[in-house]
């Protein structure tokens, strides 16, 4: 998964993250700012799970949300195309 693209479109992805991990606040999401390792840490902290469990949850979420990464990739390509014009 390309988390660089997620970072660039974090506002669009935050809703999907909140659907999965409802305990994460807007403040948490602002701190995470699209960084995978930060997401894993916040899942670990807010849900009281060990790191390997938080990693598993995030990996599972990635697998179920290929569309988020595809949409983000398309959005990045669109903006790059506009910038080149």
PDB file of N, CA and C in Angstrom:
ATOM      1  N   UNK A   1       0.829  -1.177   0.000  1.00  0.00           N
ATOM      2  CA  UNK A   1       0.000   0.000   0.000  1.00  0.00           C
ATOM      3  C   UNK A   1       0.877   1.245   0.000  1.00  0.00           C
ATOM      4  N   UNK A   2       0.441   2.247  -0.708  1.00  0.00           N
ATOM      5  CA  UNK A   2       1.223   3.467  -0.802  1.00  0.00           C
ATOM      6  C   UNK A   2       0.680   4.514   0.164  1.00  0.00           C
ATOM      7  N   UNK A   3       1.272   4.576   1.323  1.00  0.00           N
ATOM      8  CA  UNK A   3       0.818   5.519   2.347  1.00  0.00           C
ATOM      9  C   UNK A   3       1.247   6.941   2.033  1.00  0.00           C
ATOM     10  N   UNK A   4       2.176   7.162   1.116  1.00  0.00           N
ATOM     11  CA  UNK A   4       2.508   8.524   0.709  1.00  0.00           C
ATOM     12  C   UNK A   4       1.294   9.175   0.057  1.00  0.00           C
ATOM     13  N   UNK A   5       0.566   8.398  -0.723  1.00  0.00           N
ATOM     14  CA  UNK A   5      -0.652   8.903  -1.360  1.00  0.00           C
ATOM     15  C   UNK A   5      -1.734   9.174  -0.319  1.00  0.00           C
ATOM     16  N   UNK A   6      -1.823   8.314   0.678  1.00  0.00           N
ATOM     17  CA  UNK A   6      -2.812   8.507   1.744  1.00  0.00           C
ATOM     18  C   UNK A   6      -2.511   9.805   2.491  1.00  0.00           C
ATOM     19  N   UNK A   7      -1.248  10.039   2.797  1.00  0.00           N
ATOM     20  CA  UNK A   7      -0.862  11.278   3.480  1.00  0.00           C
ATOM     21  C   UNK A   7      -1.328  12.495   2.694  1.00  0.00           C
ATOM     22  N   UNK A   8      -1.171  12.437   1.385  1.00  0.00           N
ATOM     23  CA  UNK A   8      -1.534  13.564   0.539  1.00  0.00           C
ATOM     24  C   UNK A   8      -3.025  13.832   0.483  1.00  0.00           C
ATOM     25  N   UNK A   9      -3.836  12.825   0.747  1.00  0.00           N
ATOM     26  CA  UNK A   9      -5.293  12.964   0.698  1.00  0.00           C
ATOM     27  C   UNK A   9      -5.933  12.521   2.011  1.00  0.00           C
ATOM     28  N   UNK A  10      -5.292  12.852   3.095  1.00  0.00           N
ATOM     29  CA  UNK A  10      -5.715  12.379   4.404  1.00  0.00           C
ATOM     30  C   UNK A  10      -7.146  12.786   4.740  1.00  0.00           C
ATOM     31  N   UNK A  11      -7.552  13.992   4.355  1.00  0.00           N
ATOM     32  CA  UNK A  11      -8.907  14.443   4.680  1.00  0.00           C
ATOM     33  C   UNK A  11      -9.963  13.509   4.106  1.00  0.00           C
ATOM     34  N   UNK A  12      -9.733  12.983   2.907  1.00  0.00           N
ATOM     35  CA  UNK A  12     -10.688  12.084   2.279  1.00  0.00           C
ATOM     36  C   UNK A  12     -10.693  10.706   2.937  1.00  0.00           C
ATOM     37  N   UNK A  13      -9.602  10.315   3.548  1.00  0.00           N
ATOM     38  CA  UNK A  13      -9.459   8.973   4.102  1.00  0.00           C
ATOM     39  C   UNK A  13      -9.925   8.910   5.562  1.00  0.00           C
ATOM     40  N   UNK A  14      -9.914  10.034   6.250  1.00  0.00           N
ATOM     41  CA  UNK A  14     -10.227  10.039   7.681  1.00  0.00           C
ATOM     42  C   UNK A  14     -11.571   9.389   8.003  1.00  0.00           C
ATOM     43  N   UNK A  15     -12.565   9.590   7.160  1.00  0.00           N
ATOM     44  CA  UNK A  15     -13.885   8.989   7.407  1.00  0.00           C
ATOM     45  C   UNK A  15     -13.833   7.476   7.417  1.00  0.00           C
ATOM     46  N   UNK A  16     -13.080   6.916   6.488  1.00  0.00           N
ATOM     47  CA  UNK A  16     -12.936   5.453   6.433  1.00  0.00           C
ATOM     48  C   UNK A  16     -12.223   4.926   7.673  1.00  0.00           C
ATOM     49  N   UNK A  17     -11.244   5.678   8.138  1.00  0.00           N
ATOM     50  CA  UNK A  17     -10.517   5.279   9.349  1.00  0.00           C
ATOM     51  C   UNK A  17     -11.466   5.296  10.542  1.00  0.00           C
ATOM     52  N   UNK A  18     -12.288   6.352  10.642  1.00  0.00           N
ATOM     53  CA  UNK A  18     -13.227   6.451  11.775  1.00  0.00           C
ATOM     54  C   UNK A  18     -14.285   5.361  11.736  1.00  0.00           C
ATOM     55  N   UNK A  19     -14.668   4.919  10.535  1.00  0.00           N
ATOM     56  CA  UNK A  19     -15.623   3.812  10.428  1.00  0.00           C
ATOM     57  C   UNK A  19     -15.059   2.558  11.080  1.00  0.00           C
ATOM     58  N   UNK A  20     -13.773   2.330  10.893  1.00  0.00           N
ATOM     59  CA  UNK A  20     -13.123   1.135  11.435  1.00  0.00           C
ATOM     60  C   UNK A  20     -12.791   1.280  12.913  1.00  0.00           C
ATOM     61  N   UNK A  21     -12.246   2.429  13.276  1.00  0.00           N
ATOM     62  CA  UNK A  21     -11.785   2.649  14.646  1.00  0.00           C
ATOM     63  C   UNK A  21     -12.482   3.880  15.222  1.00  0.00           C
ATOM     64  N   UNK A  22     -13.706   3.678  15.683  1.00  0.00           N
ATOM     65  CA  UNK A  22     -14.541   4.771  16.169  1.00  0.00           C
ATOM     66  C   UNK A  22     -14.025   5.484  17.408  1.00  0.00           C
ATOM     67  N   UNK A  23     -13.126   4.849  18.142  1.00  0.00           N
ATOM     68  CA  UNK A  23     -12.562   5.498  19.330  1.00  0.00           C
ATOM     69  C   UNK A  23     -11.539   6.576  18.982  1.00  0.00           C
ATOM     70  N   UNK A  24     -11.073   6.582  17.743  1.00  0.00           N
ATOM     71  CA  UNK A  24     -10.096   7.590  17.342  1.00  0.00           C
ATOM     72  C   UNK A  24     -10.823   8.924  17.155  1.00  0.00           C
ATOM     73  N   UNK A  25     -10.350   9.934  17.839  1.00  0.00           N
ATOM     74  CA  UNK A  25     -10.961  11.260  17.768  1.00  0.00           C
ATOM     75  C   UNK A  25     -10.396  12.035  16.574  1.00  0.00           C
ATOM     76  N   UNK A  26     -11.033  13.176  16.295  1.00  0.00           N
ATOM     77  CA  UNK A  26     -10.504  14.047  15.241  1.00  0.00           C
ATOM     78  C   UNK A  26      -9.089  14.503  15.596  1.00  0.00           C
ATOM     79  N   UNK A  27      -8.838  14.717  16.875  1.00  0.00           N
ATOM     80  CA  UNK A  27      -7.493  15.086  17.321  1.00  0.00           C
ATOM     81  C   UNK A  27      -6.482  13.995  17.032  1.00  0.00           C
ATOM     82  N   UNK A  28      -6.877  12.746  17.293  1.00  0.00           N
ATOM     83  CA  UNK A  28      -5.998  11.619  16.977  1.00  0.00           C
ATOM     84  C   UNK A  28      -5.704  11.582  15.470  1.00  0.00           C
ATOM     85  N   UNK A  29      -6.768  11.760  14.685  1.00  0.00           N
ATOM     86  CA  UNK A  29      -6.614  11.690  13.235  1.00  0.00           C
ATOM     87  C   UNK A  29      -5.719  12.814  12.723  1.00  0.00           C
ATOM     88  N   UNK A  30      -5.824  13.985  13.344  1.00  0.00           N
ATOM     89  CA  UNK A  30      -4.940  15.087  12.963  1.00  0.00           C
ATOM     90  C   UNK A  30      -3.486  14.748  13.292  1.00  0.00           C
ATOM     91  N   UNK A  31      -3.269  14.098  14.431  1.00  0.00           N
ATOM     92  CA  UNK A  31      -1.913  13.685  14.813  1.00  0.00           C
ATOM     93  C   UNK A  31      -1.361  12.641  13.847  1.00  0.00           C
ATOM     94  N   UNK A  32      -2.204  11.717  13.447  1.00  0.00           N
ATOM     95  CA  UNK A  32      -1.785  10.628  12.557  1.00  0.00           C
ATOM     96  C   UNK A  32      -1.356  11.177  11.200  1.00  0.00           C
ATOM     97  N   UNK A  33      -2.119  12.118  10.669  1.00  0.00           N
ATOM     98  CA  UNK A  33      -1.808  12.804   9.401  1.00  0.00           C
ATOM     99  C   UNK A  33      -1.410  11.861   8.274  1.00  0.00           C
ATOM    100  N   UNK A  34      -2.037  10.705   8.198  1.00  0.00           N
ATOM    101  CA  UNK A  34      -1.771   9.793   7.088  1.00  0.00           C
ATOM    102  C   UNK A  34      -0.552   8.915   7.243  1.00  0.00           C
ATOM    103  N   UNK A  35       0.039   8.903   8.415  1.00  0.00           N
ATOM    104  CA  UNK A  35       1.237   8.080   8.639  1.00  0.00           C
ATOM    105  C   UNK A  35       0.831   6.738   9.236  1.00  0.00           C
ATOM    106  N   UNK A  36       1.168   5.675   8.546  1.00  0.00           N
ATOM    107  CA  UNK A  36       0.752   4.331   8.954  1.00  0.00           C
ATOM    108  C   UNK A  36       1.233   3.984  10.360  1.00  0.00           C
ATOM    109  N   UNK A  37       2.488   4.273  10.654  1.00  0.00           N
ATOM    110  CA  UNK A  37       3.020   3.919  11.970  1.00  0.00           C
ATOM    111  C   UNK A  37       2.297   4.674  13.084  1.00  0.00           C
ATOM    112  N   UNK A  38       1.878   5.895  12.797  1.00  0.00           N
ATOM    113  CA  UNK A  38       1.111   6.663  13.781  1.00  0.00           C
ATOM    114  C   UNK A  38      -0.273   6.042  13.980  1.00  0.00           C
ATOM    115  N   UNK A  39      -0.881   5.574  12.898  1.00  0.00           N
ATOM    116  CA  UNK A  39      -2.178   4.909  12.998  1.00  0.00           C
ATOM    117  C   UNK A  39      -2.064   3.658  13.859  1.00  0.00           C
ATOM    118  N   UNK A  40      -1.051   2.864  13.602  1.00  0.00           N
ATOM    119  CA  UNK A  40      -0.846   1.646  14.399  1.00  0.00           C
ATOM    120  C   UNK A  40      -0.700   2.011  15.872  1.00  0.00           C
ATOM    121  N   UNK A  41       0.080   3.031  16.166  1.00  0.00           N
ATOM    122  CA  UNK A  41       0.285   3.452  17.550  1.00  0.00           C
ATOM    123  C   UNK A  41      -0.990   3.920  18.224  1.00  0.00           C
ATOM    124  N   UNK A  42      -1.811   4.676  17.499  1.00  0.00           N
ATOM    125  CA  UNK A  42      -3.073   5.168  18.073  1.00  0.00           C
ATOM    126  C   UNK A  42      -4.072   4.035  18.278  1.00  0.00           C
ATOM    127  N   UNK A  43      -4.100   3.081  17.360  1.00  0.00           N
ATOM    128  CA  UNK A  43      -4.971   1.908  17.539  1.00  0.00           C
ATOM    129  C   UNK A  43      -4.520   1.154  18.781  1.00  0.00           C
ATOM    130  N   UNK A  44      -3.232   0.980  18.927  1.00  0.00           N
ATOM    131  CA  UNK A  44      -2.673   0.286  20.085  1.00  0.00           C
ATOM    132  C   UNK A  44      -3.064   1.011  21.373  1.00  0.00           C
ATOM    133  N   UNK A  45      -2.885   2.309  21.387  1.00  0.00           N
ATOM    134  CA  UNK A  45      -3.154   3.122  22.571  1.00  0.00           C
ATOM    135  C   UNK A  45      -4.651   3.174  22.915  1.00  0.00           C
ATOM    136  N   UNK A  46      -5.498   3.461  21.933  1.00  0.00           N
ATOM    137  CA  UNK A  46      -6.926   3.665  22.195  1.00  0.00           C
ATOM    138  C   UNK A  46      -7.686   2.375  22.455  1.00  0.00           C
ATOM    139  N   UNK A  47      -7.196   1.285  21.904  1.00  0.00           N
ATOM    140  CA  UNK A  47      -7.905   0.015  22.060  1.00  0.00           C
ATOM    141  C   UNK A  47      -7.223  -0.932  23.040  1.00  0.00           C
ATOM    142  N   UNK A  48      -6.091  -0.517  23.578  1.00  0.00           N
ATOM    143  CA  UNK A  48      -5.406  -1.322  24.579  1.00  0.00           C
ATOM    144  C   UNK A  48      -4.927  -2.666  24.071  1.00  0.00           C
ATOM    145  N   UNK A  49      -4.460  -2.682  22.824  1.00  0.00           N
ATOM    146  CA  UNK A  49      -3.961  -3.932  22.244  1.00  0.00           C
ATOM    147  C   UNK A  49      -2.453  -3.834  22.077  1.00  0.00           C
ATOM    148  N   UNK A  50      -1.828  -4.985  21.930  1.00  0.00           N
ATOM    149  CA  UNK A  50      -0.382  -5.004  21.711  1.00  0.00           C
ATOM    150  C   UNK A  50      -0.073  -4.577  20.279  1.00  0.00           C
ATOM    151  N   UNK A  51       1.168  -4.206  20.060  1.00  0.00           N
ATOM    152  CA  UNK A  51       1.572  -3.683  18.758  1.00  0.00           C
ATOM    153  C   UNK A  51       1.273  -4.661  17.631  1.00  0.00           C
ATOM    154  N   UNK A  52       1.562  -5.946  17.830  1.00  0.00           N
ATOM    155  CA  UNK A  52       1.327  -6.904  16.748  1.00  0.00           C
ATOM    156  C   UNK A  52      -0.154  -6.991  16.391  1.00  0.00           C
ATOM    157  N   UNK A  53      -1.036  -6.826  17.376  1.00  0.00           N
ATOM    158  CA  UNK A  53      -2.478  -6.841  17.114  1.00  0.00           C
ATOM    159  C   UNK A  53      -2.901  -5.581  16.364  1.00  0.00           C
ATOM    160  N   UNK A  54      -2.364  -4.435  16.749  1.00  0.00           N
ATOM    161  CA  UNK A  54      -2.670  -3.192  16.045  1.00  0.00           C
ATOM    162  C   UNK A  54      -2.180  -3.267  14.595  1.00  0.00           C
ATOM    163  N   UNK A  55      -0.994  -3.825  14.394  1.00  0.00           N
ATOM    164  CA  UNK A  55      -0.459  -4.020  13.041  1.00  0.00           C
ATOM    165  C   UNK A  55      -1.380  -4.917  12.222  1.00  0.00           C
ATOM    166  N   UNK A  56      -1.844  -5.995  12.844  1.00  0.00           N
ATOM    167  CA  UNK A  56      -2.740  -6.928  12.158  1.00  0.00           C
ATOM    168  C   UNK A  56      -4.024  -6.220  11.739  1.00  0.00           C
ATOM    169  N   UNK A  57      -4.585  -5.417  12.653  1.00  0.00           N
ATOM    170  CA  UNK A  57      -5.828  -4.702  12.344  1.00  0.00           C
ATOM    171  C   UNK A  57      -5.644  -3.733  11.173  1.00  0.00           C
ATOM    172  N   UNK A  58      -4.544  -2.998  11.181  1.00  0.00           N
ATOM    173  CA  UNK A  58      -4.292  -2.042  10.101  1.00  0.00           C
ATOM    174  C   UNK A  58      -4.062  -2.775   8.780  1.00  0.00           C
ATOM    175  N   UNK A  59      -3.321  -3.868   8.820  1.00  0.00           N
ATOM    176  CA  UNK A  59      -3.089  -4.663   7.612  1.00  0.00           C
ATOM    177  C   UNK A  59      -4.402  -5.220   7.071  1.00  0.00           C
ATOM    178  N   UNK A  60      -5.260  -5.708   7.967  1.00  0.00           N
ATOM    179  CA  UNK A  60      -6.573  -6.204   7.540  1.00  0.00           C
ATOM    180  C   UNK A  60      -7.398  -5.084   6.911  1.00  0.00           C
ATOM    181  N   UNK A  61      -7.358  -3.901   7.528  1.00  0.00           N
ATOM    182  CA  UNK A  61      -8.090  -2.747   7.006  1.00  0.00           C
ATOM    183  C   UNK A  61      -7.590  -2.382   5.607  1.00  0.00           C
ATOM    184  N   UNK A  62      -6.272  -2.390   5.436  1.00  0.00           N
ATOM    185  CA  UNK A  62      -5.700  -2.102   4.118  1.00  0.00           C
ATOM    186  C   UNK A  62      -6.232  -3.081   3.074  1.00  0.00           C
ATOM    187  N   UNK A  63      -6.269  -4.352   3.444  1.00  0.00           N
ATOM    188  CA  UNK A  63      -6.733  -5.378   2.521  1.00  0.00           C
ATOM    189  C   UNK A  63      -8.180  -5.215   2.123  1.00  0.00           C
ATOM    190  N   UNK A  64      -8.985  -4.703   3.026  1.00  0.00           N
ATOM    191  CA  UNK A  64     -10.414  -4.507   2.749  1.00  0.00           C
ATOM    192  C   UNK A  64     -10.699  -3.168   2.086  1.00  0.00           C
ATOM    193  N   UNK A  65      -9.725  -2.299   2.005  1.00  0.00           N
ATOM    194  CA  UNK A  65      -9.966  -0.945   1.511  1.00  0.00           C
ATOM    195  C   UNK A  65      -9.063  -0.576   0.344  1.00  0.00           C
ATOM    196  N   UNK A  66      -8.901  -1.495  -0.583  1.00  0.00           N
ATOM    197  CA  UNK A  66      -8.108  -1.192  -1.779  1.00  0.00           C
ATOM    198  C   UNK A  66      -8.678   0.016  -2.507  1.00  0.00           C
ATOM    199  N   UNK A  67     -10.005   0.188  -2.428  1.00  0.00           N
ATOM    200  CA  UNK A  67     -10.642   1.313  -3.102  1.00  0.00           C
ATOM    201  C   UNK A  67     -10.123   2.652  -2.592  1.00  0.00           C
ATOM    202  N   UNK A  68      -9.833   2.740  -1.299  1.00  0.00           N
ATOM    203  CA  UNK A  68      -9.310   3.985  -0.733  1.00  0.00           C
ATOM    204  C   UNK A  68      -7.978   4.323  -1.394  1.00  0.00           C
ATOM    205  N   UNK A  69      -7.144   3.327  -1.551  1.00  0.00           N
ATOM    206  CA  UNK A  69      -5.830   3.543  -2.146  1.00  0.00           C
ATOM    207  C   UNK A  69      -5.966   3.833  -3.640  1.00  0.00           C
ATOM    208  N   UNK A  70      -6.916   3.180  -4.312  1.00  0.00           N
ATOM    209  CA  UNK A  70      -7.129   3.431  -5.738  1.00  0.00           C
ATOM    210  C   UNK A  70      -7.669   4.839  -5.955  1.00  0.00           C
ATOM    211  N   UNK A  71      -8.655   5.255  -5.127  1.00  0.00           N
ATOM    212  CA  UNK A  71      -9.209   6.601  -5.235  1.00  0.00           C
ATOM    213  C   UNK A  71      -8.132   7.645  -4.975  1.00  0.00           C
ATOM    214  N   UNK A  72      -7.318   7.395  -3.979  1.00  0.00           N
ATOM    215  CA  UNK A  72      -6.259   8.330  -3.628  1.00  0.00           C
ATOM    216  C   UNK A  72      -5.254   8.436  -4.766  1.00  0.00           C
ATOM    217  N   UNK A  73      -4.915   7.311  -5.352  1.00  0.00           N
ATOM    218  CA  UNK A  73      -3.976   7.302  -6.465  1.00  0.00           C
ATOM    219  C   UNK A  73      -4.540   8.081  -7.648  1.00  0.00           C
ATOM    220  N   UNK A  74      -5.814   7.882  -7.944  1.00  0.00           N
ATOM    221  CA  UNK A  74      -6.447   8.604  -9.048  1.00  0.00           C
ATOM    222  C   UNK A  74      -6.465  10.102  -8.783  1.00  0.00           C
ATOM    223  N   UNK A  75      -6.726  10.478  -7.545  1.00  0.00           N
ATOM    224  CA  UNK A  75      -6.740  11.885  -7.165  1.00  0.00           C
ATOM    225  C   UNK A  75      -5.353  12.511  -7.332  1.00  0.00           C
ATOM    226  N   UNK A  76      -4.324  11.801  -6.927  1.00  0.00           N
ATOM    227  CA  UNK A  76      -2.952  12.291  -7.080  1.00  0.00           C
ATOM    228  C   UNK A  76      -2.624  12.462  -8.562  1.00  0.00           C
ATOM    229  N   UNK A  77      -2.972  11.479  -9.370  1.00  0.00           N
ATOM    230  CA  UNK A  77      -2.691  11.563 -10.803  1.00  0.00           C
ATOM    231  C   UNK A  77      -3.420  12.744 -11.433  1.00  0.00           C
ATOM    232  N   UNK A  78      -4.655  12.984 -10.992  1.00  0.00           N
ATOM    233  CA  UNK A  78      -5.430  14.104 -11.515  1.00  0.00           C
ATOM    234  C   UNK A  78      -4.726  15.420 -11.205  1.00  0.00           C
ATOM    235  N   UNK A  79      -4.276  15.586  -9.977  1.00  0.00           N
ATOM    236  CA  UNK A  79      -3.608  16.823  -9.572  1.00  0.00           C
ATOM    237  C   UNK A  79      -2.277  16.985 -10.281  1.00  0.00           C
ATOM    238  N   UNK A  80      -1.557  15.911 -10.497  1.00  0.00           N
ATOM    239  CA  UNK A  80      -0.282  15.983 -11.211  1.00  0.00           C
ATOM    240  C   UNK A  80      -0.545  16.420 -12.653  1.00  0.00           C
ATOM    241  N   UNK A  81      -1.583  15.860 -13.256  1.00  0.00           N
ATOM    242  CA  UNK A  81      -1.938  16.248 -14.625  1.00  0.00           C
ATOM    243  C   UNK A  81      -2.305  17.713 -14.731  1.00  0.00           C
ATOM    244  N   UNK A  82      -3.036  18.230 -13.769  1.00  0.00           N
ATOM    245  CA  UNK A  82      -3.417  19.645 -13.761  1.00  0.00           C
ATOM    246  C   UNK A  82      -2.179  20.515 -13.594  1.00  0.00           C
ATOM    247  N   UNK A  83      -1.277  20.106 -12.735  1.00  0.00           N
ATOM    248  CA  UNK A  83      -0.058  20.889 -12.482  1.00  0.00           C
ATOM    249  C   UNK A  83       0.837  20.957 -13.723  1.00  0.00           C
ATOM    250  N   UNK A  84       0.791  19.921 -14.543  1.00  0.00           N
ATOM    251  CA  UNK A  84       1.650  19.878 -15.740  1.00  0.00           C
ATOM    252  C   UNK A  84       1.106  20.722 -16.880  1.00  0.00           C
ATOM    253  N   UNK A  85      -0.147  21.098 -16.822  1.00  0.00           N
ATOM    254  CA  UNK A  85      -0.768  21.856 -17.917  1.00  0.00           C
ATOM    255  C   UNK A  85      -0.285  23.274 -17.959  1.00  0.00           C
TER     256      UNK A  85
END
